[in-house]
Each structure stands twice: as structure tokens, then as C-alpha cells.
Amino acid sequence: MTSEVNASNTPYDAAAQRLPILTRTIAEFREKTRELIEAQPLSGAEADTVRVGFVPTMGALHDGHGTLVRTARAANDVVAVSIFVNPLQFNDPVDYERYPRTLDADLELLGQAGADIVFAPEESEMYPDGDPLVKVTSGKLGEKFEGASRPGHFDGMLAVVSKLLHIAQPSLLTSRKVEFSAFFGQKDAQQLAIIRRMVLDLAYNVEIQAVPIVRSDRGLALSSRNQFLSEAEAEAALVLSRALFLLKSRADAHEPLNVEDAVALIDAEPLVELDYLEVVDPSTLEVIGVNCQDTPFTGQALALVAAKVGPVRLIDNMPLGS
């Protein structure tokens, strides 16, 4: 039985407290993951394949992240999670510094959700020579919508996700046959589309799994940023999901979407400043110019919205069509 060390350097018994194994270095994470893989029983041809699920996060976890891990748990033999606040994704140093670091609470949530192992490196472990000189770029997919508001954000995201997928790749760790899946939330729809494209274009040996958005009882998409909303702002933010569900109801009924109605709904809320509300192709993120206004909606699309609510920028989205 192995004792790990938490953020306060206090030893804990992972098995007794049902907490995941905590690792801080790439070498330790790989070794502990290898041990977990090779500890899986052999009992027939199907059991010879070990399924490994990986959930990259930036911490400050909520039940949306818990759903990601529970989904991975249901489909895999070993579940690994990373917690790393990636500085390359932040345009504003103040935003980076104030991002919540809640490792102890995160470990408890992950233990309850069924994670086996957590990789929580320091910045010096991920970027030992400073900012990487060689990066994967998000191209035109990363220049629009959130990329237009946060230049370089998606390149920074790909820098860490591409590295994490290599670090966690189980086929590099064991001679056993493995299947590797990585789980991402649908809430960050543009991020998900860009990661899918990177995996396709660069032939990564991983299956990307999208997990539907988790919402509050009243419809607000769960986000680490919601904690910065006042009660009045949280109430006002509900207009974003109302606008999206309006579009969904029209798409389900094969009616014209009339996106202007949804925009007007948001504009009528004084505490919400709309950045964009667009209906796009789910794969290319190109704005769909047909089937949205004067003709019945058919096919598939994705409605994307971003807005500033008080001091907080929120994003949300809704798949449309079959």
C-alpha cells in the first residue's frame, strides 16, 4: 500500500480514504499508471485488452468534471486525470493568478467519481525550459469565436493537451494490449473540435470522447467561473441557456431558427453583454448560412454563445438537429 503526499505535504493512504494516487512528475505518473494497467486481471481474450480513460483538467473541479470522470469510469479499467493550470492558455496574467487552485477538494471529488490516479505537475515539470519553442497550432479553427477574443488561447491549449496525450499514452508504458480514450466536455465545443482535428491530422493513438454539458437545475452550464457571479448575475446568466433551448426547440420541430429572436432575448437582459450567438457546422465551425432563417431547419448544427455577465465571460452551446 502506497502513501502519497497531498498539496500540504501531508501523507495520506489512498486506499483507506479512497482517494486517487497523486503523482507530481511525468516519470512517477507513468510508473504508477503502468502498475495499475498490469494489475488488471487476465481472464480470457477480451480481458487481455486494458481500457484506459484519461481526463485532462485545470482543477477547480465541479460536478461537470465529476460527470467526465464517472463517464470514463463506466467505460474503462483504469481512469487517469490530470490537474494543471496551463499558463499558455491565459492572455491576462491576473486571470491566471486568480484561477482557483483547490487540489485537496479536487482529489476528494475525483475519489468519489472513481479516478484511479491523478497527475498534478508543477509548471517546471511540464515546461522545464520555459515556454515550448515548438508548438501545435490551431490554425483557422482557433482564430474565430473564443480565439478572436483570446488570441493564442487555443495554441496554448493544444501545447498542453498534445503533451498530456503523449505522457498518458498507455501503449508506451506496457506490453499489454491497451485501448486509450480521452474525455472532454461538450461545453468547450470549440476546444473539442480543435482537439478532434489535431488527433485526426496528426494520427494520435487515442479516441476522443465528448461528454454532454452538465447544467444546474435551472439550466446554467456548470463552469469554474460561475463562482465569480453574484446572485443577480447568476440569475441573469440563465438567459444564455434559454436562448439556446429556444433554438433547439425550433430545430427539433424543423422550423426556421430565426436566430435574431434568440439574440433579442439575450439583449433584453441588462446584466448580460452578448459577444456572439452563431449557428455553425459542428466539425468546421463555419457559420451556417442556410436552414436558419426562412426555411425549415434540417441536418445538424451547433449553436455557440458567449457573453460577459458582470465581470465574468461565459460560454455555452447546444447541438441542433438529429
C-alpha atoms as a PDB file:
ATOM      1  CA  MET A   1       0.000   0.000   0.000  1.00  0.00           C
ATOM      2  CA  THR A   2       1.480   3.313  -1.094  1.00  0.00           C
ATOM      3  CA  SER A   3       1.293   6.580   0.823  1.00  0.00           C
ATOM      4  CA  GLU A   4       1.184   9.654  -1.384  1.00  0.00           C
ATOM      5  CA  VAL A   5       1.570  13.306  -0.415  1.00  0.00           C
ATOM      6  CA  ASN A   6      -1.069  15.993  -0.892  1.00  0.00           C
ATOM      7  CA  ALA A   7      -0.642  19.713  -1.526  1.00  0.00           C
ATOM      8  CA  SER A   8       0.126  20.317   2.158  1.00  0.00           C
ATOM      9  CA  ASN A   9       2.839  17.612   2.171  1.00  0.00           C
ATOM     10  CA  THR A  10       0.646  15.520   4.473  1.00  0.00           C
ATOM     11  CA  PRO A  11       0.836  11.774   3.766  1.00  0.00           C
ATOM     12  CA  TYR A  12      -2.421  10.015   3.113  1.00  0.00           C
ATOM     13  CA  ASP A  13      -3.394   6.435   2.481  1.00  0.00           C
ATOM     14  CA  ALA A  14      -5.026   6.414  -0.975  1.00  0.00           C
ATOM     15  CA  ALA A  15      -6.678   3.042  -0.457  1.00  0.00           C
ATOM     16  CA  ALA A  16      -8.039   3.769   3.017  1.00  0.00           C
ATOM     17  CA  GLN A  17      -9.501   7.130   2.069  1.00  0.00           C
ATOM     18  CA  ARG A  18     -10.451   6.030  -1.434  1.00  0.00           C
ATOM     19  CA  LEU A  19      -8.502   8.914  -2.893  1.00  0.00           C
ATOM     20  CA  PRO A  20      -6.731   8.522  -6.225  1.00  0.00           C
ATOM     21  CA  ILE A  21      -2.971   8.100  -6.291  1.00  0.00           C
ATOM     22  CA  LEU A  22      -1.391  11.550  -6.536  1.00  0.00           C
ATOM     23  CA  THR A  23       1.693  11.947  -8.729  1.00  0.00           C
ATOM     24  CA  ARG A  24       3.725  15.064  -9.412  1.00  0.00           C
ATOM     25  CA  THR A  25       6.250  14.052 -12.065  1.00  0.00           C
ATOM     26  CA  ILE A  26       5.925  12.509 -15.513  1.00  0.00           C
ATOM     27  CA  ALA A  27       8.105   9.566 -14.513  1.00  0.00           C
ATOM     28  CA  GLU A  28       6.060   8.843 -11.376  1.00  0.00           C
ATOM     29  CA  PHE A  29       2.754   9.176 -13.201  1.00  0.00           C
ATOM     30  CA  ARG A  30       3.855   6.785 -15.925  1.00  0.00           C
ATOM     31  CA  GLU A  31       5.199   4.244 -13.463  1.00  0.00           C
ATOM     32  CA  LYS A  32       2.067   4.241 -11.290  1.00  0.00           C
ATOM     33  CA  THR A  33      -0.159   4.055 -14.380  1.00  0.00           C
ATOM     34  CA  ARG A  34       1.869   1.115 -15.659  1.00  0.00           C
ATOM     35  CA  GLU A  35       1.382  -0.645 -12.319  1.00  0.00           C
ATOM     36  CA  LEU A  36      -2.376  -0.067 -12.486  1.00  0.00           C
ATOM     37  CA  ILE A  37      -2.547  -1.424 -16.040  1.00  0.00           C
ATOM     38  CA  GLU A  38      -0.514  -4.511 -15.293  1.00  0.00           C
ATOM     39  CA  ALA A  39      -2.527  -5.210 -12.135  1.00  0.00           C
ATOM     40  CA  GLN A  40      -5.664  -5.751 -14.240  1.00  0.00           C
ATOM     41  CA  PRO A  41      -6.667  -9.455 -14.257  1.00  0.00           C
ATOM     42  CA  LEU A  42      -6.191 -11.744 -17.217  1.00  0.00           C
ATOM     43  CA  SER A  43      -9.233 -13.939 -17.797  1.00  0.00           C
ATOM     44  CA  GLY A  44      -9.848 -14.541 -21.473  1.00  0.00           C
ATOM     45  CA  ALA A  45      -9.185 -12.862 -24.803  1.00  0.00           C
ATOM     46  CA  GLU A  46     -11.335  -9.800 -24.127  1.00  0.00           C
ATOM     47  CA  ALA A  47      -9.762  -9.191 -20.719  1.00  0.00           C
ATOM     48  CA  ASP A  48      -6.311  -9.144 -22.322  1.00  0.00           C
ATOM     49  CA  THR A  49      -7.171  -5.632 -23.500  1.00  0.00           C
ATOM     50  CA  VAL A  50      -6.956  -2.982 -20.789  1.00  0.00           C
ATOM     51  CA  ARG A  51      -9.054   0.118 -21.385  1.00  0.00           C
ATOM     52  CA  VAL A  52      -7.511   3.350 -20.124  1.00  0.00           C
ATOM     53  CA  GLY A  53      -9.503   6.576 -19.860  1.00  0.00           C
ATOM     54  CA  PHE A  54      -7.838   9.958 -19.432  1.00  0.00           C
ATOM     55  CA  VAL A  55      -9.481  13.221 -18.320  1.00  0.00           C
ATOM     56  CA  PRO A  56      -7.346  16.389 -18.646  1.00  0.00           C
ATOM     57  CA  THR A  57      -8.454  19.265 -16.388  1.00  0.00           C
ATOM     58  CA  MET A  58      -7.218  22.558 -14.941  1.00  0.00           C
ATOM     59  CA  GLY A  59      -8.592  21.783 -11.492  1.00  0.00           C
ATOM     60  CA  ALA A  60     -11.174  23.825  -9.544  1.00  0.00           C
ATOM     61  CA  LEU A  61     -13.375  20.834 -10.246  1.00  0.00           C
ATOM     62  CA  HIS A  62     -17.174  20.771 -10.066  1.00  0.00           C
ATOM     63  CA  ASP A  63     -19.820  18.178 -10.834  1.00  0.00           C
ATOM     64  CA  GLY A  64     -19.359  18.695 -14.566  1.00  0.00           C
ATOM     65  CA  HIS A  65     -15.833  17.331 -14.165  1.00  0.00           C
ATOM     66  CA  GLY A  66     -17.251  14.612 -11.922  1.00  0.00           C
ATOM     67  CA  THR A  67     -19.513  13.568 -14.783  1.00  0.00           C
ATOM     68  CA  LEU A  68     -16.499  13.374 -17.094  1.00  0.00           C
ATOM     69  CA  VAL A  69     -14.718  11.058 -14.676  1.00  0.00           C
ATOM     70  CA  ARG A  70     -17.801   8.939 -13.959  1.00  0.00           C
ATOM     71  CA  THR A  71     -18.317   8.524 -17.709  1.00  0.00           C
ATOM     72  CA  ALA A  72     -14.692   7.451 -18.098  1.00  0.00           C
ATOM     73  CA  ARG A  73     -15.033   5.110 -15.101  1.00  0.00           C
ATOM     74  CA  ALA A  74     -18.038   3.343 -16.627  1.00  0.00           C
ATOM     75  CA  ALA A  75     -16.144   2.546 -19.808  1.00  0.00           C
ATOM     76  CA  ASN A  76     -12.584   1.851 -18.631  1.00  0.00           C
ATOM     77  CA  ASP A  77     -10.472  -0.344 -16.396  1.00  0.00           C
ATOM     78  CA  VAL A  78      -8.075   2.451 -15.396  1.00  0.00           C
ATOM     79  CA  VAL A  79      -9.013   6.133 -15.118  1.00  0.00           C
ATOM     80  CA  ALA A  80      -6.354   8.840 -15.000  1.00  0.00           C
ATOM     81  CA  VAL A  81      -6.917  12.573 -14.503  1.00  0.00           C
ATOM     82  CA  SER A  82      -4.533  15.489 -14.933  1.00  0.00           C
ATOM     83  CA  ILE A  83      -4.763  18.748 -12.985  1.00  0.00           C
ATOM     84  CA  PHE A  84      -2.628  21.537 -14.420  1.00  0.00           C
ATOM     85  CA  VAL A  85      -3.384  25.247 -14.648  1.00  0.00           C
ATOM     86  CA  ASN A  86      -1.762  25.885 -18.005  1.00  0.00           C
ATOM     87  CA  PRO A  87      -0.259  29.396 -18.202  1.00  0.00           C
ATOM     88  CA  LEU A  88      -0.147  29.257 -22.012  1.00  0.00           C
ATOM     89  CA  GLN A  89      -3.962  29.416 -22.149  1.00  0.00           C
ATOM     90  CA  PHE A  90      -4.222  32.744 -20.337  1.00  0.00           C
ATOM     91  CA  ASN A  91      -3.902  36.099 -22.077  1.00  0.00           C
ATOM     92  CA  ASP A  92      -4.166  38.004 -18.793  1.00  0.00           C
ATOM     93  CA  PRO A  93      -1.590  37.174 -16.065  1.00  0.00           C
ATOM     94  CA  VAL A  94      -4.070  38.371 -13.434  1.00  0.00           C
ATOM     95  CA  ASP A  95      -6.659  35.865 -14.704  1.00  0.00           C
ATOM     96  CA  TYR A  96      -4.031  33.126 -14.466  1.00  0.00           C
ATOM     97  CA  GLU A  97      -3.026  34.054 -10.932  1.00  0.00           C
ATOM     98  CA  ARG A  98      -6.589  34.198  -9.640  1.00  0.00           C
ATOM     99  CA  TYR A  99      -7.627  30.878 -11.199  1.00  0.00           C
ATOM    100  CA  PRO A 100      -8.642  28.690  -8.215  1.00  0.00           C
ATOM    101  CA  ARG A 101      -6.180  26.044  -7.046  1.00  0.00           C
ATOM    102  CA  THR A 102      -8.152  23.560  -4.923  1.00  0.00           C
ATOM    103  CA  LEU A 103      -6.160  20.329  -5.093  1.00  0.00           C
ATOM    104  CA  ASP A 104      -7.384  18.755  -1.844  1.00  0.00           C
ATOM    105  CA  ALA A 105     -11.053  19.311  -2.746  1.00  0.00           C
ATOM    106  CA  ASP A 106     -10.355  18.146  -6.295  1.00  0.00           C
ATOM    107  CA  LEU A 107      -8.859  14.885  -5.037  1.00  0.00           C
ATOM    108  CA  GLU A 108     -11.921  14.221  -2.890  1.00  0.00           C
ATOM    109  CA  LEU A 109     -14.259  14.823  -5.845  1.00  0.00           C
ATOM    110  CA  LEU A 110     -12.143  12.616  -8.093  1.00  0.00           C
ATOM    111  CA  GLY A 111     -12.073   9.848  -5.497  1.00  0.00           C
ATOM    112  CA  GLN A 112     -15.853   9.905  -5.279  1.00  0.00           C
ATOM    113  CA  ALA A 113     -16.126   9.865  -9.085  1.00  0.00           C
ATOM    114  CA  GLY A 114     -13.840   6.853  -9.411  1.00  0.00           C
ATOM    115  CA  ALA A 115     -10.489   8.163 -10.619  1.00  0.00           C
ATOM    116  CA  ASP A 116      -7.538   5.838 -10.001  1.00  0.00           C
ATOM    117  CA  ILE A 117      -4.624   8.218 -10.458  1.00  0.00           C
ATOM    118  CA  VAL A 118      -4.020  11.973 -10.725  1.00  0.00           C
ATOM    119  CA  PHE A 119      -1.148  13.763 -12.440  1.00  0.00           C
ATOM    120  CA  ALA A 120      -0.740  17.242 -10.908  1.00  0.00           C
ATOM    121  CA  PRO A 121       2.600  18.613 -12.111  1.00  0.00           C
ATOM    122  CA  GLU A 122       4.233  21.944 -11.382  1.00  0.00           C
ATOM    123  CA  GLU A 123       4.826  24.299 -14.297  1.00  0.00           C
ATOM    124  CA  SER A 124       8.540  23.447 -14.204  1.00  0.00           C
ATOM    125  CA  GLU A 125       7.703  19.782 -14.803  1.00  0.00           C
ATOM    126  CA  MET A 126       5.564  20.497 -17.868  1.00  0.00           C
ATOM    127  CA  TYR A 127       7.754  23.267 -19.301  1.00  0.00           C
ATOM    128  CA  PRO A 128      11.244  22.645 -17.889  1.00  0.00           C
ATOM    129  CA  ASP A 129      12.921  25.013 -20.370  1.00  0.00           C
ATOM    130  CA  GLY A 130      10.255  27.711 -20.232  1.00  0.00           C
ATOM    131  CA  ASP A 131       7.640  28.187 -22.915  1.00  0.00           C
ATOM    132  CA  PRO A 132       7.973  25.468 -25.577  1.00  0.00           C
ATOM    133  CA  LEU A 133       9.694  26.546 -28.770  1.00  0.00           C
ATOM    134  CA  VAL A 134       7.851  24.001 -30.922  1.00  0.00           C
ATOM    135  CA  LYS A 135       4.048  24.081 -30.761  1.00  0.00           C
ATOM    136  CA  VAL A 136       0.986  22.686 -32.490  1.00  0.00           C
ATOM    137  CA  THR A 137      -1.131  25.498 -33.914  1.00  0.00           C
ATOM    138  CA  SER A 138      -4.907  25.579 -34.049  1.00  0.00           C
ATOM    139  CA  GLY A 139      -4.952  27.311 -37.457  1.00  0.00           C
ATOM    140  CA  LYS A 140      -8.139  28.935 -38.672  1.00  0.00           C
ATOM    141  CA  LEU A 141     -10.234  26.841 -36.253  1.00  0.00           C
ATOM    142  CA  GLY A 142      -8.618  28.722 -33.392  1.00  0.00           C
ATOM    143  CA  GLU A 143      -8.892  32.221 -34.821  1.00  0.00           C
ATOM    144  CA  LYS A 144     -12.659  32.656 -34.548  1.00  0.00           C
ATOM    145  CA  PHE A 145     -15.161  32.913 -31.700  1.00  0.00           C
ATOM    146  CA  GLU A 146     -13.207  32.339 -28.469  1.00  0.00           C
ATOM    147  CA  GLY A 147      -9.945  32.563 -30.388  1.00  0.00           C
ATOM    148  CA  ALA A 148     -10.843  36.050 -31.600  1.00  0.00           C
ATOM    149  CA  SER A 149     -11.482  37.178 -28.028  1.00  0.00           C
ATOM    150  CA  ARG A 150      -8.462  35.374 -26.593  1.00  0.00           C
ATOM    151  CA  PRO A 151      -5.671  35.374 -29.211  1.00  0.00           C
ATOM    152  CA  GLY A 152      -3.303  32.432 -28.776  1.00  0.00           C
ATOM    153  CA  HIS A 153      -5.578  30.663 -26.281  1.00  0.00           C
ATOM    154  CA  PHE A 154      -6.149  27.573 -28.403  1.00  0.00           C
ATOM    155  CA  ASP A 155      -2.486  27.284 -29.389  1.00  0.00           C
ATOM    156  CA  GLY A 156      -1.671  27.281 -25.674  1.00  0.00           C
ATOM    157  CA  MET A 157      -4.371  24.692 -25.056  1.00  0.00           C
ATOM    158  CA  LEU A 158      -3.001  22.421 -27.780  1.00  0.00           C
ATOM    159  CA  ALA A 159       0.517  22.785 -26.396  1.00  0.00           C
ATOM    160  CA  VAL A 160      -0.519  21.161 -23.141  1.00  0.00           C
ATOM    161  CA  VAL A 161      -3.151  18.725 -24.459  1.00  0.00           C
ATOM    162  CA  SER A 162      -0.804  17.344 -27.117  1.00  0.00           C
ATOM    163  CA  LYS A 163       1.871  16.821 -24.461  1.00  0.00           C
ATOM    164  CA  LEU A 164      -0.531  15.286 -21.956  1.00  0.00           C
ATOM    165  CA  LEU A 165      -1.841  12.816 -24.529  1.00  0.00           C
ATOM    166  CA  HIS A 166       1.740  11.677 -25.144  1.00  0.00           C
ATOM    167  CA  ILE A 167       2.523  11.493 -21.433  1.00  0.00           C
ATOM    168  CA  ALA A 168      -0.586   9.416 -20.720  1.00  0.00           C
ATOM    169  CA  GLN A 169      -0.365   7.195 -23.823  1.00  0.00           C
ATOM    170  CA  PRO A 170      -0.581   3.709 -22.235  1.00  0.00           C
ATOM    171  CA  SER A 171       0.888   1.827 -25.202  1.00  0.00           C
ATOM    172  CA  LEU A 172       4.219   3.430 -24.281  1.00  0.00           C
ATOM    173  CA  LEU A 173       4.048   2.074 -20.736  1.00  0.00           C
ATOM    174  CA  THR A 174       3.284  -1.635 -21.005  1.00  0.00           C
ATOM    175  CA  SER A 175       3.461  -4.625 -23.289  1.00  0.00           C
ATOM    176  CA  ARG A 176      -0.211  -5.390 -22.633  1.00  0.00           C
ATOM    177  CA  LYS A 177      -2.771  -4.532 -25.273  1.00  0.00           C
ATOM    178  CA  VAL A 178      -4.488  -1.272 -24.391  1.00  0.00           C
ATOM    179  CA  GLU A 179      -7.259   0.954 -25.680  1.00  0.00           C
ATOM    180  CA  PHE A 180      -6.835   4.656 -24.921  1.00  0.00           C
ATOM    181  CA  SER A 181      -9.622   7.238 -24.731  1.00  0.00           C
ATOM    182  CA  ALA A 182      -9.567  10.878 -23.623  1.00  0.00           C
ATOM    183  CA  PHE A 183     -12.714  12.565 -22.302  1.00  0.00           C
ATOM    184  CA  PHE A 184     -13.606  16.217 -22.862  1.00  0.00           C
ATOM    185  CA  GLY A 185     -16.709  18.217 -22.035  1.00  0.00           C
ATOM    186  CA  GLN A 186     -19.022  19.381 -24.793  1.00  0.00           C
ATOM    187  CA  LYS A 187     -19.294  22.764 -23.024  1.00  0.00           C
ATOM    188  CA  ASP A 188     -15.963  23.788 -24.543  1.00  0.00           C
ATOM    189  CA  ALA A 189     -17.231  22.961 -28.028  1.00  0.00           C
ATOM    190  CA  GLN A 190     -14.602  24.904 -29.962  1.00  0.00           C
ATOM    191  CA  GLN A 191     -11.821  23.336 -27.921  1.00  0.00           C
ATOM    192  CA  LEU A 192     -13.309  19.890 -28.548  1.00  0.00           C
ATOM    193  CA  ALA A 193     -13.490  20.475 -32.310  1.00  0.00           C
ATOM    194  CA  ILE A 194      -9.865  21.634 -32.402  1.00  0.00           C
ATOM    195  CA  ILE A 195      -8.635  18.659 -30.364  1.00  0.00           C
ATOM    196  CA  ARG A 196     -10.531  16.255 -32.622  1.00  0.00           C
ATOM    197  CA  ARG A 197      -8.876  17.848 -35.643  1.00  0.00           C
ATOM    198  CA  MET A 198      -5.406  17.649 -34.080  1.00  0.00           C
ATOM    199  CA  VAL A 199      -5.900  13.947 -33.320  1.00  0.00           C
ATOM    200  CA  LEU A 200      -7.097  13.347 -36.891  1.00  0.00           C
ATOM    201  CA  ASP A 201      -4.424  15.408 -38.622  1.00  0.00           C
ATOM    202  CA  LEU A 202      -1.510  14.112 -36.528  1.00  0.00           C
ATOM    203  CA  ALA A 203      -2.739  10.492 -36.201  1.00  0.00           C
ATOM    204  CA  TYR A 204      -2.750  10.335 -32.415  1.00  0.00           C
ATOM    205  CA  ASN A 205      -3.441   6.890 -30.984  1.00  0.00           C
ATOM    206  CA  VAL A 206      -6.402   7.985 -28.874  1.00  0.00           C
ATOM    207  CA  GLU A 207     -10.180   8.077 -29.194  1.00  0.00           C
ATOM    208  CA  ILE A 208     -11.707  11.413 -28.222  1.00  0.00           C
ATOM    209  CA  GLN A 209     -14.941  11.067 -26.270  1.00  0.00           C
ATOM    210  CA  ALA A 210     -17.308  14.037 -25.860  1.00  0.00           C
ATOM    211  CA  VAL A 211     -19.409  14.201 -22.689  1.00  0.00           C
ATOM    212  CA  PRO A 212     -22.614  16.296 -22.761  1.00  0.00           C
ATOM    213  CA  ILE A 213     -22.855  19.558 -20.842  1.00  0.00           C
ATOM    214  CA  VAL A 214     -23.868  19.320 -17.196  1.00  0.00           C
ATOM    215  CA  ARG A 215     -26.327  22.041 -16.207  1.00  0.00           C
ATOM    216  CA  SER A 216     -27.779  23.313 -12.974  1.00  0.00           C
ATOM    217  CA  ASP A 217     -31.413  22.574 -12.222  1.00  0.00           C
ATOM    218  CA  ARG A 218     -32.292  25.877 -13.881  1.00  0.00           C
ATOM    219  CA  GLY A 219     -30.194  25.309 -16.999  1.00  0.00           C
ATOM    220  CA  LEU A 220     -26.938  27.196 -16.385  1.00  0.00           C
ATOM    221  CA  ALA A 221     -23.953  25.290 -17.779  1.00  0.00           C
ATOM    222  CA  LEU A 222     -21.629  24.358 -14.910  1.00  0.00           C
ATOM    223  CA  SER A 223     -18.329  26.221 -15.031  1.00  0.00           C
ATOM    224  CA  SER A 224     -15.488  27.012 -12.656  1.00  0.00           C
ATOM    225  CA  ARG A 225     -16.138  30.672 -13.477  1.00  0.00           C
ATOM    226  CA  ASN A 226     -19.692  30.566 -12.093  1.00  0.00           C
ATOM    227  CA  GLN A 227     -18.317  31.065  -8.572  1.00  0.00           C
ATOM    228  CA  PHE A 228     -17.399  34.641  -9.535  1.00  0.00           C
ATOM    229  CA  LEU A 229     -21.036  35.523 -10.323  1.00  0.00           C
ATOM    230  CA  SER A 230     -23.212  37.389  -7.845  1.00  0.00           C
ATOM    231  CA  GLU A 231     -26.687  36.044  -7.171  1.00  0.00           C
ATOM    232  CA  ALA A 232     -28.209  38.605  -9.550  1.00  0.00           C
ATOM    233  CA  GLU A 233     -25.630  37.848 -12.233  1.00  0.00           C
ATOM    234  CA  ALA A 234     -26.206  34.091 -11.931  1.00  0.00           C
ATOM    235  CA  GLU A 235     -29.919  34.715 -12.411  1.00  0.00           C
ATOM    236  CA  ALA A 236     -29.244  36.902 -15.459  1.00  0.00           C
ATOM    237  CA  ALA A 237     -26.894  34.286 -16.959  1.00  0.00           C
ATOM    238  CA  LEU A 238     -29.816  31.872 -17.313  1.00  0.00           C
ATOM    239  CA  VAL A 239     -30.854  33.800 -20.424  1.00  0.00           C
ATOM    240  CA  LEU A 240     -27.994  32.143 -22.324  1.00  0.00           C
ATOM    241  CA  SER A 241     -29.404  28.637 -21.938  1.00  0.00           C
ATOM    242  CA  ARG A 242     -32.947  29.921 -22.565  1.00  0.00           C
ATOM    243  CA  ALA A 243     -31.799  31.319 -25.905  1.00  0.00           C
ATOM    244  CA  LEU A 244     -30.102  28.039 -26.819  1.00  0.00           C
ATOM    245  CA  PHE A 245     -33.096  25.923 -25.855  1.00  0.00           C
ATOM    246  CA  LEU A 246     -35.283  28.214 -27.950  1.00  0.00           C
ATOM    247  CA  LEU A 247     -33.145  27.365 -30.986  1.00  0.00           C
ATOM    248  CA  LYS A 248     -33.174  23.673 -30.084  1.00  0.00           C
ATOM    249  CA  SER A 249     -36.972  23.592 -29.867  1.00  0.00           C
ATOM    250  CA  ARG A 250     -37.237  25.118 -33.331  1.00  0.00           C
ATOM    251  CA  ALA A 251     -34.624  22.752 -34.762  1.00  0.00           C
ATOM    252  CA  ASP A 252     -36.411  19.746 -33.248  1.00  0.00           C
ATOM    253  CA  ALA A 253     -39.660  20.946 -34.854  1.00  0.00           C
ATOM    254  CA  HIS A 254     -37.904  21.563 -38.209  1.00  0.00           C
ATOM    255  CA  GLU A 255     -38.881  25.201 -38.097  1.00  0.00           C
ATOM    256  CA  PRO A 256     -36.789  28.174 -39.244  1.00  0.00           C
ATOM    257  CA  LEU A 257     -34.408  29.022 -36.407  1.00  0.00           C
ATOM    258  CA  ASN A 258     -34.752  32.811 -36.638  1.00  0.00           C
ATOM    259  CA  VAL A 259     -31.581  33.361 -34.628  1.00  0.00           C
ATOM    260  CA  GLU A 260     -32.452  37.047 -34.258  1.00  0.00           C
ATOM    261  CA  ASP A 261     -35.162  36.079 -31.755  1.00  0.00           C
ATOM    262  CA  ALA A 262     -32.598  34.364 -29.540  1.00  0.00           C
ATOM    263  CA  VAL A 263     -30.239  37.344 -29.850  1.00  0.00           C
ATOM    264  CA  ALA A 264     -33.064  39.715 -28.854  1.00  0.00           C
ATOM    265  CA  LEU A 265     -33.811  37.549 -25.821  1.00  0.00           C
ATOM    266  CA  ILE A 266     -30.226  37.945 -24.593  1.00  0.00           C
ATOM    267  CA  ASP A 267     -30.017  41.645 -25.458  1.00  0.00           C
ATOM    268  CA  ALA A 268     -33.071  42.274 -23.290  1.00  0.00           C
ATOM    269  CA  GLU A 269     -31.139  41.212 -20.173  1.00  0.00           C
ATOM    270  CA  PRO A 270     -29.287  44.324 -18.887  1.00  0.00           C
ATOM    271  CA  LEU A 271     -26.631  42.404 -16.932  1.00  0.00           C
ATOM    272  CA  VAL A 272     -25.583  40.368 -19.985  1.00  0.00           C
ATOM    273  CA  GLU A 273     -23.381  41.735 -22.773  1.00  0.00           C
ATOM    274  CA  LEU A 274     -23.542  39.403 -25.776  1.00  0.00           C
ATOM    275  CA  ASP A 275     -20.335  38.717 -27.681  1.00  0.00           C
ATOM    276  CA  TYR A 276     -21.712  36.274 -30.245  1.00  0.00           C
ATOM    277  CA  LEU A 277     -24.527  33.823 -30.902  1.00  0.00           C
ATOM    278  CA  GLU A 278     -23.906  31.801 -34.061  1.00  0.00           C
ATOM    279  CA  VAL A 279     -25.084  28.547 -35.622  1.00  0.00           C
ATOM    280  CA  VAL A 280     -22.147  26.631 -37.107  1.00  0.00           C
ATOM    281  CA  ASP A 281     -21.089  23.359 -38.669  1.00  0.00           C
ATOM    282  CA  PRO A 282     -20.005  21.112 -35.747  1.00  0.00           C
ATOM    283  CA  SER A 283     -16.805  19.972 -37.479  1.00  0.00           C
ATOM    284  CA  THR A 284     -15.539  23.044 -39.297  1.00  0.00           C
ATOM    285  CA  LEU A 285     -17.111  25.738 -37.088  1.00  0.00           C
ATOM    286  CA  GLU A 286     -18.119  27.582 -40.254  1.00  0.00           C
ATOM    287  CA  VAL A 287     -21.248  29.662 -39.834  1.00  0.00           C
ATOM    288  CA  ILE A 288     -24.247  28.008 -41.470  1.00  0.00           C
ATOM    289  CA  GLY A 289     -25.929  30.434 -43.832  1.00  0.00           C
ATOM    290  CA  VAL A 290     -28.883  28.272 -44.794  1.00  0.00           C
ATOM    291  CA  ASN A 291     -31.609  26.453 -42.882  1.00  0.00           C
ATOM    292  CA  CYS A 292     -31.540  29.139 -40.214  1.00  0.00           C
ATOM    293  CA  GLN A 293     -33.926  31.864 -41.217  1.00  0.00           C
ATOM    294  CA  ASP A 294     -36.595  31.426 -43.885  1.00  0.00           C
ATOM    295  CA  THR A 295     -36.550  27.669 -44.459  1.00  0.00           C
ATOM    296  CA  PRO A 296     -37.310  24.717 -42.154  1.00  0.00           C
ATOM    297  CA  PHE A 297     -34.180  23.581 -40.310  1.00  0.00           C
ATOM    298  CA  THR A 298     -32.732  20.225 -41.368  1.00  0.00           C
ATOM    299  CA  GLY A 299     -29.475  18.382 -40.748  1.00  0.00           C
ATOM    300  CA  GLN A 300     -27.058  19.039 -37.901  1.00  0.00           C
ATOM    301  CA  ALA A 301     -25.568  22.198 -36.452  1.00  0.00           C
ATOM    302  CA  LEU A 302     -24.144  23.668 -33.284  1.00  0.00           C
ATOM    303  CA  ALA A 303     -25.320  26.888 -31.640  1.00  0.00           C
ATOM    304  CA  LEU A 304     -22.494  28.750 -29.899  1.00  0.00           C
ATOM    305  CA  VAL A 305     -22.917  31.639 -27.485  1.00  0.00           C
ATOM    306  CA  ALA A 306     -20.522  33.782 -25.471  1.00  0.00           C
ATOM    307  CA  ALA A 307     -21.344  36.718 -23.272  1.00  0.00           C
ATOM    308  CA  LYS A 308     -20.000  38.789 -20.422  1.00  0.00           C
ATOM    309  CA  VAL A 309     -22.137  38.598 -17.297  1.00  0.00           C
ATOM    310  CA  GLY A 310     -20.904  41.179 -14.823  1.00  0.00           C
ATOM    311  CA  PRO A 311     -17.124  40.664 -14.737  1.00  0.00           C
ATOM    312  CA  VAL A 312     -17.311  37.050 -15.962  1.00  0.00           C
ATOM    313  CA  ARG A 313     -17.153  35.760 -19.527  1.00  0.00           C
ATOM    314  CA  LEU A 314     -19.351  32.687 -20.031  1.00  0.00           C
ATOM    315  CA  ILE A 315     -19.686  30.312 -22.959  1.00  0.00           C
ATOM    316  CA  ASP A 316     -22.343  27.737 -23.760  1.00  0.00           C
ATOM    317  CA  ASN A 317     -23.536  25.734 -26.747  1.00  0.00           C
ATOM    318  CA  MET A 318     -26.290  23.449 -27.942  1.00  0.00           C
ATOM    319  CA  PRO A 319     -26.217  20.689 -30.587  1.00  0.00           C
ATOM    320  CA  LEU A 320     -29.092  21.173 -33.054  1.00  0.00           C
ATOM    321  CA  GLY A 321     -30.745  18.533 -35.219  1.00  0.00           C
ATOM    322  CA  SER A 322     -30.515  14.780 -35.291  1.00  0.00           C
END
